[in-house]
Amino acid sequence: MNRGRLALLVVGALAVTLFFVFDLDRFLTLAALKAHHQTLVTLAREQALLTVAGFMAVYIVQTALSLPGAAVLSLAAGALFGTLRGTLYANIAATIGATLAFLVSRYLLREAVLRRFGSRLEPINRELEQRGFNYLLFLRLVPVFPFFLINLAAGLTRLPTRTFVLATMLGIVPGGFVYVHAGASLATVQTLADVASPRVLGAFALLGLFALVPALYGWYRNRQTGIDPGPHAH
């Protein structure tokens, strides 16, 4: 590992360690958000641009470093900025943070993984180059797949960065909207589990399956015809 990769790895590990050493996750809880709600609302009213910039910076760092607290930050977006603006700010910040995690994973680990498992990953990479948008959209919509693991795993493939960004930005809209909308009525939220009801999760799963249909159809058609379209097919 060259010095650049090593330095990046050390900085990231140090940041994560300091987060837990100083118990900073105590600020990213529903109880903490409710306790400081009025103070934050006042700050957002008096220092609008500063609050938006600070909120997005925290959300980007949290997502890029795969730290806990994304659900609470989405609730905070609704509580501070309302449903529409909150969804927009949270979406942009989460997409930027996820893309940073994706790029760091690709920069630090991809070459080593390809050297070890390149031949096994080649069919997966070919499929992702053709229909990666549908697969990633499915993973983003279905909430059973951890957000940070998707970011890191995608970086180990040849999934194009632009595909990752677009599928992430679109795929997190429904879930983000639900949490931000709940945050706009923060007093009614007693636990994080109240936000994502089984009915809501089922709707996300259904959306995810619809997103996966084109990829499954393409895979089935190729199997039936016995054609391997290769990575540059259209």
C-alpha atoms as a PDB file:
ATOM      1  CA  MET A   1       0.000   0.000   0.000  1.00  0.00           C
ATOM      2  CA  ASN A   2       1.488   3.355  -1.048  1.00  0.00           C
ATOM      3  CA  ARG A   3       1.781   6.342   1.260  1.00  0.00           C
ATOM      4  CA  GLY A   4      -1.317   8.077  -0.071  1.00  0.00           C
ATOM      5  CA  ARG A   5      -3.538   5.092   0.595  1.00  0.00           C
ATOM      6  CA  LEU A   6      -1.962   4.499   3.980  1.00  0.00           C
ATOM      7  CA  ALA A   7      -2.421   8.139   5.014  1.00  0.00           C
ATOM      8  CA  LEU A   8      -6.072   8.090   3.950  1.00  0.00           C
ATOM      9  CA  LEU A   9      -6.651   4.874   5.863  1.00  0.00           C
ATOM     10  CA  VAL A  10      -5.027   6.275   9.002  1.00  0.00           C
ATOM     11  CA  VAL A  11      -7.020   9.519   8.854  1.00  0.00           C
ATOM     12  CA  GLY A  12     -10.290   7.649   8.397  1.00  0.00           C
ATOM     13  CA  ALA A  13      -9.540   5.210  11.202  1.00  0.00           C
ATOM     14  CA  LEU A  14      -8.515   8.064  13.500  1.00  0.00           C
ATOM     15  CA  ALA A  15     -11.704   9.993  12.784  1.00  0.00           C
ATOM     16  CA  VAL A  16     -13.883   6.961  13.534  1.00  0.00           C
ATOM     17  CA  THR A  17     -11.913   6.215  16.702  1.00  0.00           C
ATOM     18  CA  LEU A  18     -12.246   9.788  17.986  1.00  0.00           C
ATOM     19  CA  PHE A  19     -15.981   9.698  17.268  1.00  0.00           C
ATOM     20  CA  PHE A  20     -16.444   6.787  19.643  1.00  0.00           C
ATOM     21  CA  VAL A  21     -13.761   7.807  22.173  1.00  0.00           C
ATOM     22  CA  PHE A  22     -15.505  11.142  22.738  1.00  0.00           C
ATOM     23  CA  ASP A  23     -18.917   9.443  22.664  1.00  0.00           C
ATOM     24  CA  LEU A  24     -20.137  11.769  19.923  1.00  0.00           C
ATOM     25  CA  ASP A  25     -22.887   9.353  18.977  1.00  0.00           C
ATOM     26  CA  ARG A  26     -24.795  10.613  22.023  1.00  0.00           C
ATOM     27  CA  PHE A  27     -25.647  13.703  19.955  1.00  0.00           C
ATOM     28  CA  LEU A  28     -27.087  11.566  17.161  1.00  0.00           C
ATOM     29  CA  THR A  29     -29.979  10.057  19.101  1.00  0.00           C
ATOM     30  CA  LEU A  30     -33.681  10.774  19.050  1.00  0.00           C
ATOM     31  CA  ALA A  31     -33.561  11.871  22.700  1.00  0.00           C
ATOM     32  CA  ALA A  32     -30.771  14.376  22.002  1.00  0.00           C
ATOM     33  CA  LEU A  33     -32.599  15.748  18.974  1.00  0.00           C
ATOM     34  CA  LYS A  34     -35.756  16.295  21.004  1.00  0.00           C
ATOM     35  CA  ALA A  35     -33.831  17.854  23.876  1.00  0.00           C
ATOM     36  CA  HIS A  36     -32.125  20.413  21.600  1.00  0.00           C
ATOM     37  CA  HIS A  37     -34.965  20.796  19.112  1.00  0.00           C
ATOM     38  CA  GLN A  38     -35.997  24.328  20.040  1.00  0.00           C
ATOM     39  CA  THR A  39     -32.413  25.583  20.156  1.00  0.00           C
ATOM     40  CA  LEU A  40     -31.728  24.148  16.710  1.00  0.00           C
ATOM     41  CA  VAL A  41     -34.947  25.603  15.278  1.00  0.00           C
ATOM     42  CA  THR A  42     -34.011  29.038  16.604  1.00  0.00           C
ATOM     43  CA  LEU A  43     -30.529  28.707  15.083  1.00  0.00           C
ATOM     44  CA  ALA A  44     -32.011  27.665  11.749  1.00  0.00           C
ATOM     45  CA  ARG A  45     -34.283  30.710  11.805  1.00  0.00           C
ATOM     46  CA  GLU A  46     -31.553  33.194  12.723  1.00  0.00           C
ATOM     47  CA  GLN A  47     -28.627  31.643  10.827  1.00  0.00           C
ATOM     48  CA  ALA A  48     -30.273  29.842   7.928  1.00  0.00           C
ATOM     49  CA  LEU A  49     -27.268  29.371   5.622  1.00  0.00           C
ATOM     50  CA  LEU A  50     -24.941  28.428   8.463  1.00  0.00           C
ATOM     51  CA  THR A  51     -27.409  25.838   9.747  1.00  0.00           C
ATOM     52  CA  VAL A  52     -27.902  24.276   6.315  1.00  0.00           C
ATOM     53  CA  ALA A  53     -24.151  24.156   5.691  1.00  0.00           C
ATOM     54  CA  GLY A  54     -23.454  22.703   9.143  1.00  0.00           C
ATOM     55  CA  PHE A  55     -26.202  20.125   8.855  1.00  0.00           C
ATOM     56  CA  MET A  56     -25.041  18.952   5.419  1.00  0.00           C
ATOM     57  CA  ALA A  57     -21.406  18.823   6.528  1.00  0.00           C
ATOM     58  CA  VAL A  58     -22.282  16.615   9.503  1.00  0.00           C
ATOM     59  CA  TYR A  59     -24.447  14.359   7.318  1.00  0.00           C
ATOM     60  CA  ILE A  60     -21.709  14.026   4.687  1.00  0.00           C
ATOM     61  CA  VAL A  61     -19.059  13.111   7.261  1.00  0.00           C
ATOM     62  CA  GLN A  62     -21.398  10.670   9.020  1.00  0.00           C
ATOM     63  CA  THR A  63     -22.180   8.878   5.755  1.00  0.00           C
ATOM     64  CA  ALA A  64     -18.647   8.951   4.351  1.00  0.00           C
ATOM     65  CA  LEU A  65     -17.233   7.386   7.530  1.00  0.00           C
ATOM     66  CA  SER A  66     -20.129   4.910   7.899  1.00  0.00           C
ATOM     67  CA  LEU A  67     -20.973   6.221  11.360  1.00  0.00           C
ATOM     68  CA  PRO A  68     -24.311   5.672  13.130  1.00  0.00           C
ATOM     69  CA  GLY A  69     -26.982   8.363  13.150  1.00  0.00           C
ATOM     70  CA  ALA A  70     -28.342   8.657   9.598  1.00  0.00           C
ATOM     71  CA  ALA A  71     -31.970   8.133  10.667  1.00  0.00           C
ATOM     72  CA  VAL A  72     -31.719  10.821  13.350  1.00  0.00           C
ATOM     73  CA  LEU A  73     -30.109  13.243  10.915  1.00  0.00           C
ATOM     74  CA  SER A  74     -32.968  12.691   8.476  1.00  0.00           C
ATOM     75  CA  LEU A  75     -35.444  13.408  11.263  1.00  0.00           C
ATOM     76  CA  ALA A  76     -33.453  16.530  12.095  1.00  0.00           C
ATOM     77  CA  ALA A  77     -33.698  17.671   8.478  1.00  0.00           C
ATOM     78  CA  GLY A  78     -37.481  17.613   8.707  1.00  0.00           C
ATOM     79  CA  ALA A  79     -37.533  19.255  12.126  1.00  0.00           C
ATOM     80  CA  LEU A  80     -35.267  22.118  11.012  1.00  0.00           C
ATOM     81  CA  PHE A  81     -36.139  22.703   7.375  1.00  0.00           C
ATOM     82  CA  GLY A  82     -39.537  21.142   6.727  1.00  0.00           C
ATOM     83  CA  THR A  83     -40.375  18.167   4.545  1.00  0.00           C
ATOM     84  CA  LEU A  84     -39.442  19.412   1.076  1.00  0.00           C
ATOM     85  CA  ARG A  85     -36.265  21.351   1.810  1.00  0.00           C
ATOM     86  CA  GLY A  86     -35.237  18.811   4.428  1.00  0.00           C
ATOM     87  CA  THR A  87     -35.569  15.956   1.951  1.00  0.00           C
ATOM     88  CA  LEU A  88     -33.504  17.881  -0.603  1.00  0.00           C
ATOM     89  CA  TYR A  89     -30.693  18.728   1.834  1.00  0.00           C
ATOM     90  CA  ALA A  90     -30.586  15.233   3.318  1.00  0.00           C
ATOM     91  CA  ASN A  91     -30.611  13.612  -0.119  1.00  0.00           C
ATOM     92  CA  ILE A  92     -27.753  15.707  -1.449  1.00  0.00           C
ATOM     93  CA  ALA A  93     -25.655  15.237   1.692  1.00  0.00           C
ATOM     94  CA  ALA A  94     -26.270  11.484   1.876  1.00  0.00           C
ATOM     95  CA  THR A  95     -25.439  11.056  -1.812  1.00  0.00           C
ATOM     96  CA  ILE A  96     -22.186  13.011  -1.468  1.00  0.00           C
ATOM     97  CA  GLY A  97     -21.201  11.060   1.646  1.00  0.00           C
ATOM     98  CA  ALA A  98     -22.042   7.720   0.037  1.00  0.00           C
ATOM     99  CA  THR A  99     -20.047   8.635  -3.073  1.00  0.00           C
ATOM    100  CA  LEU A 100     -17.026   9.536  -0.943  1.00  0.00           C
ATOM    101  CA  ALA A 101     -17.239   6.159   0.822  1.00  0.00           C
ATOM    102  CA  PHE A 102     -17.596   4.444  -2.569  1.00  0.00           C
ATOM    103  CA  LEU A 103     -14.540   6.236  -3.985  1.00  0.00           C
ATOM    104  CA  VAL A 104     -12.402   5.600  -0.904  1.00  0.00           C
ATOM    105  CA  SER A 105     -13.294   1.900  -1.014  1.00  0.00           C
ATOM    106  CA  ARG A 106     -12.370   1.808  -4.696  1.00  0.00           C
ATOM    107  CA  TYR A 107      -9.114   3.708  -4.129  1.00  0.00           C
ATOM    108  CA  LEU A 108      -7.987   1.702  -1.104  1.00  0.00           C
ATOM    109  CA  LEU A 109      -9.202  -1.825  -1.707  1.00  0.00           C
ATOM    110  CA  ARG A 110     -10.274  -2.487  -5.288  1.00  0.00           C
ATOM    111  CA  GLU A 111      -6.864  -3.376  -6.732  1.00  0.00           C
ATOM    112  CA  ALA A 112      -6.128  -5.870  -3.965  1.00  0.00           C
ATOM    113  CA  VAL A 113      -9.556  -7.476  -4.324  1.00  0.00           C
ATOM    114  CA  LEU A 114      -9.245  -7.737  -8.099  1.00  0.00           C
ATOM    115  CA  ARG A 115      -5.807  -9.322  -7.822  1.00  0.00           C
ATOM    116  CA  ARG A 116      -7.187 -11.966  -5.520  1.00  0.00           C
ATOM    117  CA  PHE A 117     -10.678 -12.532  -6.902  1.00  0.00           C
ATOM    118  CA  GLY A 118     -10.555 -10.895 -10.348  1.00  0.00           C
ATOM    119  CA  SER A 119     -11.584 -13.942 -12.367  1.00  0.00           C
ATOM    120  CA  ARG A 120     -14.505 -14.684 -10.060  1.00  0.00           C
ATOM    121  CA  LEU A 121     -15.683 -11.079 -10.079  1.00  0.00           C
ATOM    122  CA  GLU A 122     -15.497 -10.645 -13.858  1.00  0.00           C
ATOM    123  CA  PRO A 123     -19.028 -11.960 -14.607  1.00  0.00           C
ATOM    124  CA  ILE A 124     -20.411  -9.730 -11.845  1.00  0.00           C
ATOM    125  CA  ASN A 125     -18.552  -6.712 -13.210  1.00  0.00           C
ATOM    126  CA  ARG A 126     -19.858  -7.310 -16.729  1.00  0.00           C
ATOM    127  CA  GLU A 127     -23.392  -7.523 -15.420  1.00  0.00           C
ATOM    128  CA  LEU A 128     -22.974  -4.370 -13.329  1.00  0.00           C
ATOM    129  CA  GLU A 129     -21.588  -2.415 -16.268  1.00  0.00           C
ATOM    130  CA  GLN A 130     -24.772  -3.184 -18.205  1.00  0.00           C
ATOM    131  CA  ARG A 131     -27.504  -3.187 -15.584  1.00  0.00           C
ATOM    132  CA  GLY A 132     -25.821  -1.835 -12.484  1.00  0.00           C
ATOM    133  CA  PHE A 133     -28.302   1.028 -12.184  1.00  0.00           C
ATOM    134  CA  ASN A 134     -31.225  -1.370 -11.682  1.00  0.00           C
ATOM    135  CA  TYR A 135     -29.366  -3.543  -9.199  1.00  0.00           C
ATOM    136  CA  LEU A 136     -28.179  -0.606  -7.121  1.00  0.00           C
ATOM    137  CA  LEU A 137     -31.598   1.048  -7.229  1.00  0.00           C
ATOM    138  CA  PHE A 138     -33.075  -2.182  -5.875  1.00  0.00           C
ATOM    139  CA  LEU A 139     -30.532  -2.276  -3.045  1.00  0.00           C
ATOM    140  CA  ARG A 140     -31.224   1.351  -2.146  1.00  0.00           C
ATOM    141  CA  LEU A 141     -34.986   0.931  -2.132  1.00  0.00           C
ATOM    142  CA  VAL A 142     -35.118  -2.275  -0.085  1.00  0.00           C
ATOM    143  CA  PRO A 143     -34.146  -1.254   3.469  1.00  0.00           C
ATOM    144  CA  VAL A 144     -32.829  -4.654   4.592  1.00  0.00           C
ATOM    145  CA  PHE A 145     -29.428  -3.958   3.033  1.00  0.00           C
ATOM    146  CA  PRO A 146     -27.146  -1.773   5.193  1.00  0.00           C
ATOM    147  CA  PHE A 147     -26.483   1.541   3.476  1.00  0.00           C
ATOM    148  CA  PHE A 148     -22.781   1.703   4.341  1.00  0.00           C
ATOM    149  CA  LEU A 149     -22.072  -1.855   3.179  1.00  0.00           C
ATOM    150  CA  ILE A 150     -23.563  -1.102  -0.226  1.00  0.00           C
ATOM    151  CA  ASN A 151     -21.287   1.940  -0.536  1.00  0.00           C
ATOM    152  CA  LEU A 152     -18.170  -0.054   0.312  1.00  0.00           C
ATOM    153  CA  ALA A 153     -19.055  -3.157  -1.701  1.00  0.00           C
ATOM    154  CA  ALA A 154     -19.941  -1.175  -4.819  1.00  0.00           C
ATOM    155  CA  GLY A 155     -16.517   0.459  -4.726  1.00  0.00           C
ATOM    156  CA  LEU A 156     -14.898  -2.958  -5.174  1.00  0.00           C
ATOM    157  CA  THR A 157     -16.627  -3.475  -8.537  1.00  0.00           C
ATOM    158  CA  ARG A 158     -16.400  -1.729 -11.905  1.00  0.00           C
ATOM    159  CA  LEU A 159     -19.749  -0.047 -11.387  1.00  0.00           C
ATOM    160  CA  PRO A 160     -19.385   3.404 -13.030  1.00  0.00           C
ATOM    161  CA  THR A 161     -19.290   6.280 -10.557  1.00  0.00           C
ATOM    162  CA  ARG A 162     -22.022   8.185 -12.400  1.00  0.00           C
ATOM    163  CA  THR A 163     -24.291   5.133 -12.155  1.00  0.00           C
ATOM    164  CA  PHE A 164     -23.606   4.874  -8.431  1.00  0.00           C
ATOM    165  CA  VAL A 165     -24.412   8.556  -7.877  1.00  0.00           C
ATOM    166  CA  LEU A 166     -27.638   8.549  -9.898  1.00  0.00           C
ATOM    167  CA  ALA A 167     -29.009   5.284  -8.488  1.00  0.00           C
ATOM    168  CA  THR A 168     -28.153   6.374  -4.951  1.00  0.00           C
ATOM    169  CA  MET A 169     -29.729   9.810  -5.317  1.00  0.00           C
ATOM    170  CA  LEU A 170     -32.961   8.362  -6.711  1.00  0.00           C
ATOM    171  CA  GLY A 171     -33.045   5.228  -4.576  1.00  0.00           C
ATOM    172  CA  ILE A 172     -32.851   7.000  -1.220  1.00  0.00           C
ATOM    173  CA  VAL A 173     -35.658   9.472  -1.992  1.00  0.00           C
ATOM    174  CA  PRO A 174     -38.576   7.338  -0.674  1.00  0.00           C
ATOM    175  CA  GLY A 175     -36.907   6.305   2.578  1.00  0.00           C
ATOM    176  CA  GLY A 176     -35.444   9.747   3.121  1.00  0.00           C
ATOM    177  CA  PHE A 177     -38.805  11.408   2.542  1.00  0.00           C
ATOM    178  CA  VAL A 178     -40.490   9.163   5.115  1.00  0.00           C
ATOM    179  CA  TYR A 179     -37.971  10.028   7.831  1.00  0.00           C
ATOM    180  CA  VAL A 180     -37.789  13.728   6.995  1.00  0.00           C
ATOM    181  CA  HIS A 181     -41.588  13.992   6.911  1.00  0.00           C
ATOM    182  CA  ALA A 182     -41.735  12.311  10.322  1.00  0.00           C
ATOM    183  CA  GLY A 183     -39.139  14.748  11.613  1.00  0.00           C
ATOM    184  CA  ALA A 184     -41.322  17.652  10.562  1.00  0.00           C
ATOM    185  CA  SER A 185     -43.730  16.416  13.271  1.00  0.00           C
ATOM    186  CA  LEU A 186     -40.989  15.453  15.697  1.00  0.00           C
ATOM    187  CA  ALA A 187     -43.193  15.511  18.797  1.00  0.00           C
ATOM    188  CA  THR A 188     -45.198  12.551  17.475  1.00  0.00           C
ATOM    189  CA  VAL A 189     -42.106  10.340  17.031  1.00  0.00           C
ATOM    190  CA  GLN A 190     -41.454   8.253  20.138  1.00  0.00           C
ATOM    191  CA  THR A 191     -38.990   5.726  18.697  1.00  0.00           C
ATOM    192  CA  LEU A 192     -37.203   5.284  15.383  1.00  0.00           C
ATOM    193  CA  ALA A 193     -39.175   2.086  14.884  1.00  0.00           C
ATOM    194  CA  ASP A 194     -42.354   4.186  14.751  1.00  0.00           C
ATOM    195  CA  VAL A 195     -41.206   5.782  11.514  1.00  0.00           C
ATOM    196  CA  ALA A 196     -40.580   2.666   9.418  1.00  0.00           C
ATOM    197  CA  SER A 197     -43.758   0.628   9.878  1.00  0.00           C
ATOM    198  CA  PRO A 198     -44.138  -2.828   8.274  1.00  0.00           C
ATOM    199  CA  ARG A 199     -46.461  -1.301   5.678  1.00  0.00           C
ATOM    200  CA  VAL A 200     -43.857   1.294   4.711  1.00  0.00           C
ATOM    201  CA  LEU A 201     -41.108  -1.320   4.530  1.00  0.00           C
ATOM    202  CA  GLY A 202     -43.336  -3.496   2.364  1.00  0.00           C
ATOM    203  CA  ALA A 203     -43.923  -0.605  -0.019  1.00  0.00           C
ATOM    204  CA  PHE A 204     -40.178  -0.037  -0.311  1.00  0.00           C
ATOM    205  CA  ALA A 205     -39.639  -3.723  -1.032  1.00  0.00           C
ATOM    206  CA  LEU A 206     -42.253  -3.596  -3.789  1.00  0.00           C
ATOM    207  CA  LEU A 207     -40.599  -0.550  -5.344  1.00  0.00           C
ATOM    208  CA  GLY A 208     -37.293  -2.381  -5.182  1.00  0.00           C
ATOM    209  CA  LEU A 209     -38.702  -5.374  -7.022  1.00  0.00           C
ATOM    210  CA  PHE A 210     -40.055  -3.136  -9.784  1.00  0.00           C
ATOM    211  CA  ALA A 211     -36.601  -1.590 -10.135  1.00  0.00           C
ATOM    212  CA  LEU A 212     -35.087  -5.067 -10.460  1.00  0.00           C
ATOM    213  CA  VAL A 213     -37.469  -6.304 -13.182  1.00  0.00           C
ATOM    214  CA  PRO A 214     -35.489  -4.916 -16.188  1.00  0.00           C
ATOM    215  CA  ALA A 215     -32.255  -6.493 -14.914  1.00  0.00           C
ATOM    216  CA  LEU A 216     -33.926  -9.851 -14.291  1.00  0.00           C
ATOM    217  CA  TYR A 217     -35.514  -9.765 -17.732  1.00  0.00           C
ATOM    218  CA  GLY A 218     -32.180  -9.001 -19.386  1.00  0.00           C
ATOM    219  CA  TRP A 219     -30.493 -11.811 -17.471  1.00  0.00           C
ATOM    220  CA  TYR A 220     -33.277 -14.259 -18.410  1.00  0.00           C
ATOM    221  CA  ARG A 221     -33.191 -13.257 -22.084  1.00  0.00           C
ATOM    222  CA  ASN A 222     -29.421 -13.751 -22.238  1.00  0.00           C
ATOM    223  CA  ARG A 223     -29.767 -17.156 -20.610  1.00  0.00           C
ATOM    224  CA  GLN A 224     -32.436 -18.179 -23.110  1.00  0.00           C
ATOM    225  CA  THR A 225     -30.457 -17.058 -26.147  1.00  0.00           C
ATOM    226  CA  GLY A 226     -27.104 -18.173 -24.787  1.00  0.00           C
ATOM    227  CA  ILE A 227     -25.599 -14.784 -25.601  1.00  0.00           C
ATOM    228  CA  ASP A 228     -23.002 -13.127 -23.426  1.00  0.00           C
ATOM    229  CA  PRO A 229     -23.359  -9.470 -24.441  1.00  0.00           C
ATOM    230  CA  GLY A 230     -20.050  -8.422 -22.871  1.00  0.00           C
ATOM    231  CA  PRO A 231     -19.314  -5.169 -21.116  1.00  0.00           C
ATOM    232  CA  HIS A 232     -19.731  -2.915 -24.184  1.00  0.00           C
ATOM    233  CA  ALA A 233     -23.073  -4.142 -25.450  1.00  0.00           C
ATOM    234  CA  HIS A 234     -25.988  -1.762 -25.747  1.00  0.00           C
END
